[in-house]
Amino acid sequence: MGTVQDIWWNPITAKLHETNLHRLMDRFQLFYDCSHKSYLSLSKYLDSVPERFYSEVLFDRRWPFLKEEESQRYSQLQSLLINHVHEIDKAFLFLSEVKRDDWYDSLSRHPFA
């Protein structure tokens, strides 16, 4: 039996996925050494941010940290991403579920504003 990616391989989206994988590897070199392709879900953040409650302030605070981690502690960051890919995937799934509900739009204050 193959990997989940092998089992769920779709010829219709294969070219798009391959393009996005290369774009991610070009942007984040640590994916070159990765033995799986589970990080493909991050590709939606290359061109736009599809989350409704995206905070530029929060991004501006976190992006330098991630770039520093990549440049100074490459192997630890890579290990973290590889070893916790299932938790990261679940987090994306849960965020998608939460933002799908209308009640979330009715919150009076954005928690990161």
N, C-alpha and C. Protein backbone atom coordinates (compact mmCIF):
# COMPACT_ATOMS: atom_id res chain seq x y z
N MET A 1 0.84 -1.18 0.00
CA MET A 1 0.00 0.00 0.00
C MET A 1 0.89 1.24 0.00
N GLY A 2 0.48 2.25 -0.75
CA GLY A 2 1.27 3.47 -0.87
C GLY A 2 0.93 4.50 0.19
N THR A 3 1.50 5.68 0.04
CA THR A 3 1.23 6.77 0.97
C THR A 3 -0.16 7.34 0.69
N VAL A 4 -0.61 8.20 1.58
CA VAL A 4 -1.91 8.86 1.38
C VAL A 4 -1.89 9.66 0.09
N GLN A 5 -0.76 10.33 -0.17
CA GLN A 5 -0.66 11.11 -1.42
C GLN A 5 -0.76 10.21 -2.64
N ASP A 6 -0.19 9.01 -2.57
CA ASP A 6 -0.27 8.06 -3.69
C ASP A 6 -1.70 7.57 -3.88
N ILE A 7 -2.36 7.27 -2.77
CA ILE A 7 -3.72 6.74 -2.83
C ILE A 7 -4.69 7.80 -3.36
N TRP A 8 -4.51 9.05 -2.92
CA TRP A 8 -5.43 10.12 -3.29
C TRP A 8 -4.98 10.90 -4.52
N TRP A 9 -3.96 10.41 -5.21
CA TRP A 9 -3.45 11.10 -6.39
C TRP A 9 -4.57 11.30 -7.40
N ASN A 10 -4.68 12.51 -7.90
CA ASN A 10 -5.74 12.85 -8.82
C ASN A 10 -5.12 13.41 -10.10
N PRO A 11 -5.31 12.77 -11.25
CA PRO A 11 -4.69 13.23 -12.48
C PRO A 11 -5.17 14.62 -12.91
N ILE A 12 -6.34 15.02 -12.45
CA ILE A 12 -6.88 16.34 -12.82
C ILE A 12 -6.11 17.46 -12.12
N THR A 13 -5.73 17.23 -10.86
CA THR A 13 -5.04 18.27 -10.09
C THR A 13 -3.54 18.04 -9.96
N ALA A 14 -3.04 16.97 -10.53
CA ALA A 14 -1.62 16.61 -10.36
C ALA A 14 -0.68 17.72 -10.83
N LYS A 15 -0.94 18.31 -11.99
CA LYS A 15 -0.06 19.36 -12.52
C LYS A 15 -0.07 20.59 -11.61
N LEU A 16 -1.25 20.99 -11.14
CA LEU A 16 -1.37 22.13 -10.24
C LEU A 16 -0.60 21.86 -8.94
N HIS A 17 -0.75 20.66 -8.39
CA HIS A 17 -0.06 20.32 -7.15
C HIS A 17 1.46 20.32 -7.36
N GLU A 18 1.89 19.79 -8.47
CA GLU A 18 3.33 19.75 -8.75
C GLU A 18 3.89 21.17 -8.88
N THR A 19 3.15 22.04 -9.54
CA THR A 19 3.57 23.44 -9.67
C THR A 19 3.65 24.11 -8.30
N ASN A 20 2.62 23.88 -7.47
CA ASN A 20 2.61 24.49 -6.14
C ASN A 20 3.72 23.93 -5.25
N LEU A 21 4.02 22.66 -5.39
CA LEU A 21 5.13 22.07 -4.62
C LEU A 21 6.45 22.75 -4.96
N HIS A 22 6.69 22.97 -6.25
CA HIS A 22 7.93 23.63 -6.67
C HIS A 22 7.97 25.08 -6.20
N ARG A 23 6.85 25.75 -6.24
CA ARG A 23 6.79 27.14 -5.75
C ARG A 23 7.08 27.19 -4.25
N LEU A 24 6.53 26.25 -3.50
CA LEU A 24 6.80 26.21 -2.06
C LEU A 24 8.27 25.91 -1.79
N MET A 25 8.85 24.98 -2.54
CA MET A 25 10.25 24.65 -2.33
C MET A 25 11.15 25.83 -2.69
N ASP A 26 10.77 26.60 -3.70
CA ASP A 26 11.54 27.78 -4.06
C ASP A 26 11.47 28.85 -2.97
N ARG A 27 10.32 28.96 -2.34
CA ARG A 27 10.12 29.97 -1.29
C ARG A 27 10.72 29.54 0.04
N PHE A 28 10.62 28.25 0.36
CA PHE A 28 11.11 27.71 1.62
C PHE A 28 12.00 26.51 1.33
N GLN A 29 13.30 26.74 1.33
CA GLN A 29 14.25 25.70 0.94
C GLN A 29 14.17 24.46 1.83
N LEU A 30 13.67 24.60 3.04
CA LEU A 30 13.64 23.44 3.93
C LEU A 30 12.76 22.32 3.40
N PHE A 31 11.85 22.63 2.46
CA PHE A 31 11.00 21.57 1.90
C PHE A 31 11.73 20.70 0.89
N TYR A 32 12.91 21.13 0.41
CA TYR A 32 13.67 20.31 -0.53
C TYR A 32 14.06 18.96 0.09
N ASP A 33 14.33 18.98 1.38
CA ASP A 33 14.77 17.77 2.06
C ASP A 33 13.63 16.97 2.68
N CYS A 34 12.42 17.43 2.47
CA CYS A 34 11.26 16.80 3.09
C CYS A 34 10.90 15.52 2.33
N SER A 35 10.60 14.45 3.09
CA SER A 35 10.33 13.16 2.46
C SER A 35 8.86 12.97 2.06
N HIS A 36 8.02 13.94 2.37
CA HIS A 36 6.61 13.84 2.01
C HIS A 36 6.15 15.15 1.39
N LYS A 37 4.91 15.21 0.95
CA LYS A 37 4.38 16.41 0.32
C LYS A 37 3.19 16.97 1.10
N SER A 38 3.12 16.66 2.37
CA SER A 38 1.99 17.10 3.17
C SER A 38 1.93 18.62 3.35
N TYR A 39 3.01 19.29 3.09
CA TYR A 39 3.04 20.74 3.23
C TYR A 39 2.34 21.46 2.07
N LEU A 40 1.80 20.72 1.14
CA LEU A 40 1.11 21.32 0.00
C LEU A 40 -0.02 22.25 0.43
N SER A 41 -0.64 21.98 1.56
CA SER A 41 -1.74 22.83 2.02
C SER A 41 -1.30 24.26 2.29
N LEU A 42 -0.01 24.48 2.46
CA LEU A 42 0.49 25.84 2.68
C LEU A 42 0.51 26.66 1.39
N SER A 43 0.36 26.03 0.24
CA SER A 43 0.47 26.75 -1.03
C SER A 43 -0.59 27.82 -1.21
N LYS A 44 -1.72 27.67 -0.54
CA LYS A 44 -2.77 28.69 -0.69
C LYS A 44 -2.32 30.04 -0.13
N TYR A 45 -1.27 30.05 0.68
CA TYR A 45 -0.77 31.29 1.25
C TYR A 45 0.31 31.96 0.41
N LEU A 46 0.69 31.38 -0.70
CA LEU A 46 1.72 31.97 -1.54
C LEU A 46 1.23 33.22 -2.26
N ASP A 47 0.02 33.19 -2.77
CA ASP A 47 -0.50 34.30 -3.56
C ASP A 47 -1.53 35.14 -2.84
N SER A 48 -2.20 34.55 -1.89
CA SER A 48 -3.25 35.27 -1.18
C SER A 48 -3.48 34.59 0.15
N VAL A 49 -4.25 35.23 0.94
CA VAL A 49 -4.59 34.65 2.24
C VAL A 49 -6.10 34.48 2.26
N PRO A 50 -6.56 33.25 2.16
CA PRO A 50 -8.00 33.02 2.03
C PRO A 50 -8.78 33.13 3.34
N GLU A 51 -8.08 33.30 4.45
CA GLU A 51 -8.79 33.33 5.72
C GLU A 51 -9.49 34.67 5.90
N ARG A 52 -10.73 34.64 6.35
CA ARG A 52 -11.52 35.86 6.49
C ARG A 52 -10.98 36.81 7.55
N PHE A 53 -10.35 36.28 8.57
CA PHE A 53 -9.91 37.12 9.68
C PHE A 53 -8.39 37.22 9.74
N TYR A 54 -7.80 37.27 8.59
CA TYR A 54 -6.36 37.42 8.49
C TYR A 54 -5.94 38.74 9.13
N SER A 55 -4.89 38.71 9.89
CA SER A 55 -4.39 39.90 10.55
C SER A 55 -2.99 40.23 10.03
N GLU A 56 -2.86 41.36 9.35
CA GLU A 56 -1.56 41.78 8.85
C GLU A 56 -0.61 42.08 10.00
N VAL A 57 -1.14 42.61 11.09
CA VAL A 57 -0.32 42.91 12.26
C VAL A 57 0.30 41.62 12.81
N LEU A 58 -0.53 40.60 12.97
CA LEU A 58 -0.03 39.33 13.47
C LEU A 58 0.98 38.72 12.50
N PHE A 59 0.70 38.80 11.21
CA PHE A 59 1.64 38.29 10.21
C PHE A 59 2.98 39.01 10.32
N ASP A 60 2.93 40.34 10.41
CA ASP A 60 4.17 41.13 10.49
C ASP A 60 4.98 40.78 11.73
N ARG A 61 4.33 40.35 12.79
CA ARG A 61 5.03 39.94 14.01
C ARG A 61 5.63 38.54 13.88
N ARG A 62 4.96 37.65 13.17
CA ARG A 62 5.38 36.25 13.11
C ARG A 62 6.34 35.93 11.96
N TRP A 63 6.20 36.62 10.84
CA TRP A 63 7.02 36.32 9.67
C TRP A 63 8.52 36.44 9.95
N PRO A 64 8.99 37.52 10.58
CA PRO A 64 10.44 37.59 10.88
C PRO A 64 10.92 36.43 11.75
N PHE A 65 10.10 36.02 12.68
CA PHE A 65 10.46 34.88 13.54
C PHE A 65 10.64 33.62 12.70
N LEU A 66 9.71 33.35 11.80
CA LEU A 66 9.81 32.14 10.97
C LEU A 66 11.02 32.20 10.05
N LYS A 67 11.29 33.36 9.48
CA LYS A 67 12.46 33.48 8.61
C LYS A 67 13.76 33.30 9.41
N GLU A 68 13.80 33.82 10.63
CA GLU A 68 14.97 33.64 11.48
C GLU A 68 15.15 32.17 11.84
N GLU A 69 14.04 31.51 12.16
CA GLU A 69 14.11 30.08 12.47
C GLU A 69 14.64 29.30 11.27
N GLU A 70 14.18 29.67 10.10
CA GLU A 70 14.62 28.96 8.89
C GLU A 70 16.12 29.18 8.65
N SER A 71 16.59 30.39 8.87
CA SER A 71 18.00 30.67 8.59
C SER A 71 18.95 30.20 9.69
N GLN A 72 18.50 30.26 10.95
CA GLN A 72 19.41 29.93 12.05
C GLN A 72 19.22 28.54 12.63
N ARG A 73 18.02 28.01 12.54
CA ARG A 73 17.73 26.70 13.12
C ARG A 73 16.96 25.85 12.10
N TYR A 74 17.54 25.77 10.94
CA TYR A 74 16.91 25.09 9.80
C TYR A 74 16.46 23.67 10.15
N SER A 75 17.35 22.88 10.68
CA SER A 75 17.02 21.47 10.91
C SER A 75 15.95 21.30 11.99
N GLN A 76 15.97 22.18 13.02
CA GLN A 76 14.94 22.09 14.05
C GLN A 76 13.57 22.47 13.51
N LEU A 77 13.53 23.52 12.67
CA LEU A 77 12.26 23.92 12.07
C LEU A 77 11.75 22.83 11.14
N GLN A 78 12.63 22.28 10.34
CA GLN A 78 12.24 21.21 9.43
C GLN A 78 11.70 20.02 10.21
N SER A 79 12.38 19.66 11.27
CA SER A 79 11.95 18.54 12.10
C SER A 79 10.58 18.82 12.73
N LEU A 80 10.40 20.04 13.20
CA LEU A 80 9.12 20.42 13.79
C LEU A 80 7.98 20.27 12.77
N LEU A 81 8.19 20.79 11.57
CA LEU A 81 7.17 20.71 10.53
C LEU A 81 6.90 19.27 10.11
N ILE A 82 7.95 18.48 9.99
CA ILE A 82 7.79 17.09 9.57
C ILE A 82 7.10 16.27 10.65
N ASN A 83 7.54 16.44 11.89
CA ASN A 83 7.01 15.63 12.98
C ASN A 83 5.60 16.02 13.42
N HIS A 84 5.18 17.21 13.06
CA HIS A 84 3.87 17.68 13.50
C HIS A 84 2.94 18.01 12.33
N VAL A 85 3.19 17.40 11.18
CA VAL A 85 2.39 17.71 10.00
C VAL A 85 0.92 17.37 10.21
N HIS A 86 0.62 16.31 10.94
CA HIS A 86 -0.78 15.93 11.14
C HIS A 86 -1.50 16.95 12.03
N GLU A 87 -0.81 17.46 13.04
CA GLU A 87 -1.41 18.49 13.89
C GLU A 87 -1.63 19.78 13.10
N ILE A 88 -0.68 20.12 12.24
CA ILE A 88 -0.81 21.33 11.40
C ILE A 88 -1.99 21.16 10.45
N ASP A 89 -2.10 19.99 9.83
CA ASP A 89 -3.23 19.73 8.93
C ASP A 89 -4.56 19.82 9.68
N LYS A 90 -4.60 19.29 10.90
CA LYS A 90 -5.84 19.38 11.70
C LYS A 90 -6.17 20.83 12.02
N ALA A 91 -5.15 21.62 12.33
CA ALA A 91 -5.39 23.04 12.63
C ALA A 91 -6.01 23.75 11.44
N PHE A 92 -5.50 23.48 10.23
CA PHE A 92 -6.09 24.08 9.03
C PHE A 92 -7.53 23.61 8.83
N LEU A 93 -7.78 22.33 9.08
CA LEU A 93 -9.13 21.79 8.94
C LEU A 93 -10.07 22.46 9.94
N PHE A 94 -9.65 22.56 11.20
CA PHE A 94 -10.50 23.17 12.22
C PHE A 94 -10.76 24.64 11.92
N LEU A 95 -9.75 25.37 11.44
CA LEU A 95 -9.96 26.77 11.07
C LEU A 95 -10.97 26.88 9.93
N SER A 96 -10.88 25.99 8.98
CA SER A 96 -11.83 26.00 7.87
C SER A 96 -13.25 25.74 8.36
N GLU A 97 -13.39 24.82 9.30
CA GLU A 97 -14.71 24.51 9.86
C GLU A 97 -15.28 25.70 10.63
N VAL A 98 -14.45 26.32 11.45
CA VAL A 98 -14.92 27.46 12.26
C VAL A 98 -15.33 28.62 11.37
N LYS A 99 -14.51 28.95 10.38
CA LYS A 99 -14.83 30.12 9.55
C LYS A 99 -16.02 29.88 8.62
N ARG A 100 -16.42 28.63 8.48
CA ARG A 100 -17.56 28.31 7.64
C ARG A 100 -18.89 28.69 8.31
N ASP A 101 -18.91 28.75 9.63
CA ASP A 101 -20.13 29.05 10.37
C ASP A 101 -20.40 30.55 10.42
N ASP A 102 -21.67 30.93 10.28
CA ASP A 102 -22.04 32.34 10.28
C ASP A 102 -21.87 33.01 11.63
N TRP A 103 -21.98 32.26 12.72
CA TRP A 103 -21.88 32.87 14.04
C TRP A 103 -20.54 33.55 14.24
N TYR A 104 -19.52 33.07 13.56
CA TYR A 104 -18.19 33.64 13.73
C TYR A 104 -18.12 35.07 13.21
N ASP A 105 -18.94 35.37 12.19
CA ASP A 105 -18.98 36.72 11.64
C ASP A 105 -19.64 37.71 12.58
N SER A 106 -20.43 37.23 13.51
CA SER A 106 -21.17 38.13 14.38
C SER A 106 -20.40 38.54 15.64
N LEU A 107 -19.18 38.06 15.79
CA LEU A 107 -18.38 38.46 16.94
C LEU A 107 -18.16 39.97 16.90
N SER A 108 -18.32 40.62 18.04
CA SER A 108 -18.24 42.07 18.05
C SER A 108 -16.82 42.59 17.91
N ARG A 109 -15.83 41.83 18.39
CA ARG A 109 -14.44 42.29 18.28
C ARG A 109 -13.56 41.20 17.70
N HIS A 110 -12.63 41.61 16.89
CA HIS A 110 -11.64 40.69 16.35
C HIS A 110 -10.58 40.51 17.43
N PRO A 111 -10.25 39.28 17.84
CA PRO A 111 -9.32 39.07 18.95
C PRO A 111 -7.89 39.52 18.69
N PHE A 112 -7.50 39.69 17.41
CA PHE A 112 -6.12 40.07 17.11
C PHE A 112 -5.99 41.52 16.67
N ALA A 113 -7.08 42.26 16.71
CA ALA A 113 -7.02 43.66 16.25
C ALA A 113 -6.31 44.54 17.25
